[in-house]
């Protein structure tokens, strides 16, 4: 599967309660269970007004289908081509 980063503009995301974030997580997991195709939600990062999600799927279309079924905004999808960090420095 390919790995994607998904940008979701969600004003006030950084102020959401743990319960609100848990509900979003539950919806995402529930949608994945009914997609009927290979799909992995790896993790998400919540900033002040956005959520960046890392997903593994066969295609960008699968990412959009997940978002549509979960009623999640999608403001950008990019396929991750490489991952770098301190471990790749030397």
N, C-alpha and C. Protein backbone atom coordinates (compact mmCIF):
# COMPACT_ATOMS: atom_id res chain seq x y z
N UNK A 1 0.84 -1.19 0.00
CA UNK A 1 0.00 0.00 0.00
C UNK A 1 0.88 1.25 0.00
N UNK A 2 0.32 2.31 -0.49
CA UNK A 2 1.00 3.60 -0.48
C UNK A 2 0.67 4.31 0.83
N UNK A 3 1.56 5.24 1.20
CA UNK A 3 1.34 6.01 2.42
C UNK A 3 1.03 7.46 2.02
N UNK A 4 0.02 8.03 2.65
CA UNK A 4 -0.42 9.38 2.32
C UNK A 4 -0.48 10.25 3.57
N UNK A 5 -0.28 11.56 3.37
CA UNK A 5 -0.57 12.53 4.41
C UNK A 5 -1.78 13.32 3.94
N UNK A 6 -2.76 13.44 4.83
CA UNK A 6 -4.03 14.09 4.51
C UNK A 6 -4.16 15.34 5.38
N UNK A 7 -4.38 16.47 4.73
CA UNK A 7 -4.58 17.72 5.45
C UNK A 7 -6.07 17.99 5.60
N UNK A 8 -6.48 18.22 6.82
CA UNK A 8 -7.89 18.53 7.08
C UNK A 8 -7.96 19.86 7.85
N UNK A 9 -8.54 20.88 7.22
CA UNK A 9 -8.73 22.15 7.92
C UNK A 9 -9.93 22.01 8.84
N UNK A 10 -9.70 22.23 10.09
CA UNK A 10 -10.75 22.08 11.10
C UNK A 10 -10.54 23.16 12.16
N UNK A 11 -11.10 24.37 11.91
CA UNK A 11 -10.88 25.48 12.84
C UNK A 11 -11.18 25.07 14.29
N UNK A 12 -10.26 25.40 15.17
CA UNK A 12 -10.43 25.07 16.57
C UNK A 12 -10.03 23.66 16.94
N UNK A 13 -9.45 22.94 16.02
CA UNK A 13 -9.08 21.54 16.29
C UNK A 13 -8.22 21.42 17.53
N UNK A 14 -7.32 22.38 17.72
CA UNK A 14 -6.43 22.32 18.87
C UNK A 14 -7.12 22.50 20.20
N UNK A 15 -8.36 22.96 20.16
CA UNK A 15 -9.12 23.15 21.40
C UNK A 15 -10.15 22.05 21.64
N UNK A 16 -10.16 21.05 20.77
CA UNK A 16 -11.14 19.96 20.94
C UNK A 16 -10.81 19.17 22.20
N UNK A 17 -11.85 18.70 22.85
CA UNK A 17 -11.66 17.91 24.07
C UNK A 17 -11.22 16.49 23.70
N UNK A 18 -10.73 15.80 24.69
CA UNK A 18 -10.34 14.40 24.48
C UNK A 18 -11.53 13.58 24.00
N UNK A 19 -12.70 13.87 24.52
CA UNK A 19 -13.90 13.13 24.11
C UNK A 19 -14.25 13.42 22.64
N UNK A 20 -14.13 14.68 22.22
CA UNK A 20 -14.40 15.02 20.82
C UNK A 20 -13.40 14.32 19.89
N UNK A 21 -12.15 14.30 20.29
CA UNK A 21 -11.13 13.62 19.47
C UNK A 21 -11.38 12.11 19.45
N UNK A 22 -11.84 11.58 20.57
CA UNK A 22 -12.16 10.14 20.64
C UNK A 22 -13.31 9.81 19.69
N UNK A 23 -14.30 10.68 19.60
CA UNK A 23 -15.44 10.46 18.70
C UNK A 23 -14.97 10.46 17.23
N UNK A 24 -14.09 11.39 16.90
CA UNK A 24 -13.53 11.41 15.54
C UNK A 24 -12.80 10.10 15.27
N UNK A 25 -12.03 9.65 16.24
CA UNK A 25 -11.28 8.40 16.08
C UNK A 25 -12.23 7.22 15.88
N UNK A 26 -13.28 7.18 16.68
CA UNK A 26 -14.26 6.09 16.56
C UNK A 26 -14.89 6.08 15.17
N UNK A 27 -15.24 7.26 14.67
CA UNK A 27 -15.85 7.34 13.34
C UNK A 27 -14.88 6.85 12.28
N UNK A 28 -13.63 7.27 12.38
CA UNK A 28 -12.63 6.84 11.40
C UNK A 28 -12.47 5.32 11.41
N UNK A 29 -12.35 4.75 12.57
CA UNK A 29 -12.18 3.29 12.69
C UNK A 29 -13.42 2.56 12.15
N UNK A 30 -14.60 3.09 12.46
CA UNK A 30 -15.83 2.46 11.98
C UNK A 30 -15.91 2.49 10.45
N UNK A 31 -15.53 3.62 9.87
CA UNK A 31 -15.55 3.73 8.41
C UNK A 31 -14.57 2.75 7.78
N UNK A 32 -13.39 2.64 8.36
CA UNK A 32 -12.39 1.71 7.82
C UNK A 32 -12.95 0.29 7.82
N UNK A 33 -13.68 -0.07 8.86
CA UNK A 33 -14.21 -1.44 8.96
C UNK A 33 -15.25 -1.75 7.89
N UNK A 34 -15.89 -0.72 7.33
CA UNK A 34 -16.91 -0.97 6.31
C UNK A 34 -16.41 -0.70 4.89
N UNK A 35 -15.19 -0.16 4.75
CA UNK A 35 -14.66 0.13 3.41
C UNK A 35 -14.49 -1.14 2.59
N UNK A 36 -14.10 -2.22 3.26
CA UNK A 36 -13.94 -3.48 2.55
C UNK A 36 -12.72 -3.53 1.64
N UNK A 37 -11.69 -2.78 1.99
CA UNK A 37 -10.47 -2.77 1.20
C UNK A 37 -9.30 -2.52 2.13
N UNK A 38 -8.09 -2.84 1.66
CA UNK A 38 -6.92 -2.58 2.51
C UNK A 38 -6.82 -1.10 2.85
N UNK A 39 -6.75 -0.80 4.13
CA UNK A 39 -6.71 0.60 4.55
C UNK A 39 -6.23 0.64 6.00
N UNK A 40 -5.25 1.49 6.26
CA UNK A 40 -4.72 1.63 7.62
C UNK A 40 -4.62 3.11 7.97
N UNK A 41 -5.22 3.47 9.07
CA UNK A 41 -5.02 4.81 9.62
C UNK A 41 -3.85 4.67 10.59
N UNK A 42 -2.73 5.30 10.28
CA UNK A 42 -1.52 5.14 11.07
C UNK A 42 -1.56 6.03 12.30
N UNK A 43 -1.74 7.34 12.10
CA UNK A 43 -1.82 8.29 13.20
C UNK A 43 -2.19 9.65 12.65
N UNK A 44 -2.54 10.55 13.56
CA UNK A 44 -2.88 11.92 13.16
C UNK A 44 -2.23 12.91 14.11
N UNK A 45 -2.00 14.10 13.59
CA UNK A 45 -1.38 15.17 14.36
C UNK A 45 -2.36 16.35 14.37
N UNK A 46 -2.72 16.80 15.56
CA UNK A 46 -3.70 17.88 15.70
C UNK A 46 -2.94 19.18 15.98
N UNK A 47 -3.18 20.18 15.14
CA UNK A 47 -2.61 21.50 15.36
C UNK A 47 -3.76 22.45 15.70
N UNK A 48 -3.47 23.72 15.75
CA UNK A 48 -4.50 24.69 16.16
C UNK A 48 -5.77 24.60 15.29
N UNK A 49 -5.59 24.61 13.97
CA UNK A 49 -6.75 24.64 13.07
C UNK A 49 -6.74 23.55 12.00
N UNK A 50 -5.89 22.55 12.16
CA UNK A 50 -5.81 21.48 11.17
C UNK A 50 -5.52 20.15 11.84
N UNK A 51 -5.86 19.10 11.14
CA UNK A 51 -5.45 17.76 11.54
C UNK A 51 -4.75 17.15 10.32
N UNK A 52 -3.54 16.66 10.54
CA UNK A 52 -2.77 15.98 9.51
C UNK A 52 -2.80 14.49 9.82
N UNK A 53 -3.30 13.71 8.88
CA UNK A 53 -3.48 12.28 9.11
C UNK A 53 -2.56 11.47 8.19
N UNK A 54 -1.97 10.44 8.74
CA UNK A 54 -1.17 9.51 7.96
C UNK A 54 -2.01 8.25 7.74
N UNK A 55 -2.24 7.94 6.48
CA UNK A 55 -3.04 6.77 6.13
C UNK A 55 -2.28 5.94 5.11
N UNK A 56 -2.52 4.64 5.14
CA UNK A 56 -2.00 3.75 4.11
C UNK A 56 -3.19 3.20 3.34
N UNK A 57 -3.11 3.30 2.03
CA UNK A 57 -4.20 2.84 1.17
C UNK A 57 -3.66 2.53 -0.21
N UNK A 58 -4.48 1.92 -1.01
CA UNK A 58 -4.07 1.60 -2.38
C UNK A 58 -4.05 2.84 -3.28
N UNK A 59 -4.92 3.81 -2.98
CA UNK A 59 -5.00 4.97 -3.87
C UNK A 59 -5.54 6.19 -3.14
N UNK A 60 -5.37 7.33 -3.77
CA UNK A 60 -5.93 8.58 -3.26
C UNK A 60 -7.46 8.49 -3.25
N UNK A 61 -8.03 7.79 -4.21
CA UNK A 61 -9.48 7.63 -4.24
C UNK A 61 -9.99 6.94 -2.97
N UNK A 62 -9.23 5.98 -2.46
CA UNK A 62 -9.63 5.30 -1.22
C UNK A 62 -9.61 6.28 -0.04
N UNK A 63 -8.64 7.18 -0.04
CA UNK A 63 -8.57 8.20 1.02
C UNK A 63 -9.82 9.09 0.95
N UNK A 64 -10.17 9.48 -0.26
CA UNK A 64 -11.35 10.36 -0.43
C UNK A 64 -12.65 9.61 -0.05
N UNK A 65 -12.71 8.33 -0.35
CA UNK A 65 -13.90 7.55 0.02
C UNK A 65 -14.03 7.47 1.54
N UNK A 66 -12.91 7.24 2.22
CA UNK A 66 -12.92 7.20 3.69
C UNK A 66 -13.42 8.54 4.24
N UNK A 67 -12.90 9.64 3.69
CA UNK A 67 -13.29 10.97 4.16
C UNK A 67 -14.78 11.23 3.93
N UNK A 68 -15.25 10.84 2.74
CA UNK A 68 -16.67 11.06 2.41
C UNK A 68 -17.57 10.27 3.36
N UNK A 69 -17.25 9.02 3.58
CA UNK A 69 -18.06 8.18 4.46
C UNK A 69 -18.05 8.68 5.91
N UNK A 70 -16.91 9.25 6.33
CA UNK A 70 -16.81 9.73 7.70
C UNK A 70 -17.17 11.19 7.86
N UNK A 71 -17.51 11.84 6.73
CA UNK A 71 -17.83 13.27 6.74
C UNK A 71 -16.65 14.10 7.26
N UNK A 72 -15.44 13.69 6.85
CA UNK A 72 -14.23 14.40 7.24
C UNK A 72 -13.83 15.35 6.12
N UNK A 73 -13.38 16.55 6.45
CA UNK A 73 -12.89 17.44 5.39
C UNK A 73 -11.58 16.93 4.82
N UNK A 74 -11.36 17.21 3.55
CA UNK A 74 -10.07 16.90 2.90
C UNK A 74 -9.63 18.16 2.17
N UNK A 75 -8.53 18.71 2.58
CA UNK A 75 -8.01 19.92 1.94
C UNK A 75 -6.71 19.66 1.19
N UNK A 76 -6.21 18.48 1.31
CA UNK A 76 -5.01 18.12 0.56
C UNK A 76 -4.64 16.68 0.84
N UNK A 77 -4.18 16.01 -0.19
CA UNK A 77 -3.69 14.63 -0.06
C UNK A 77 -2.38 14.56 -0.82
N UNK A 78 -1.35 14.10 -0.17
CA UNK A 78 -0.07 13.91 -0.84
C UNK A 78 0.46 12.53 -0.50
N UNK A 79 0.96 11.84 -1.51
CA UNK A 79 1.59 10.56 -1.27
C UNK A 79 2.97 10.80 -0.66
N UNK A 80 3.29 10.09 0.39
CA UNK A 80 4.60 10.20 1.03
C UNK A 80 5.58 9.34 0.23
N UNK A 81 6.63 9.97 -0.25
CA UNK A 81 7.63 9.28 -1.07
C UNK A 81 8.82 8.79 -0.26
N UNK A 82 9.11 9.45 0.87
CA UNK A 82 10.23 9.06 1.72
C UNK A 82 10.01 9.65 3.10
N UNK A 83 10.65 9.06 4.08
CA UNK A 83 10.60 9.57 5.45
C UNK A 83 12.04 9.78 5.90
N UNK A 84 12.32 10.97 6.43
CA UNK A 84 13.65 11.27 6.95
C UNK A 84 13.54 11.73 8.39
N UNK A 85 14.62 11.66 9.11
CA UNK A 85 14.67 12.11 10.50
C UNK A 85 16.09 11.98 11.00
N UNK A 86 16.30 12.15 12.29
CA UNK A 86 17.65 12.06 12.83
C UNK A 86 18.34 10.74 12.48
N UNK A 87 17.58 9.67 12.37
CA UNK A 87 18.15 8.37 12.05
C UNK A 87 18.69 8.25 10.64
N UNK A 88 18.26 9.14 9.74
CA UNK A 88 18.75 9.08 8.36
C UNK A 88 19.88 10.08 8.12
N UNK A 89 20.33 10.78 9.18
CA UNK A 89 21.35 11.82 9.02
C UNK A 89 22.75 11.27 8.83
N UNK A 90 23.00 10.10 9.23
CA UNK A 90 24.38 9.68 9.07
C UNK A 90 24.57 8.27 9.36
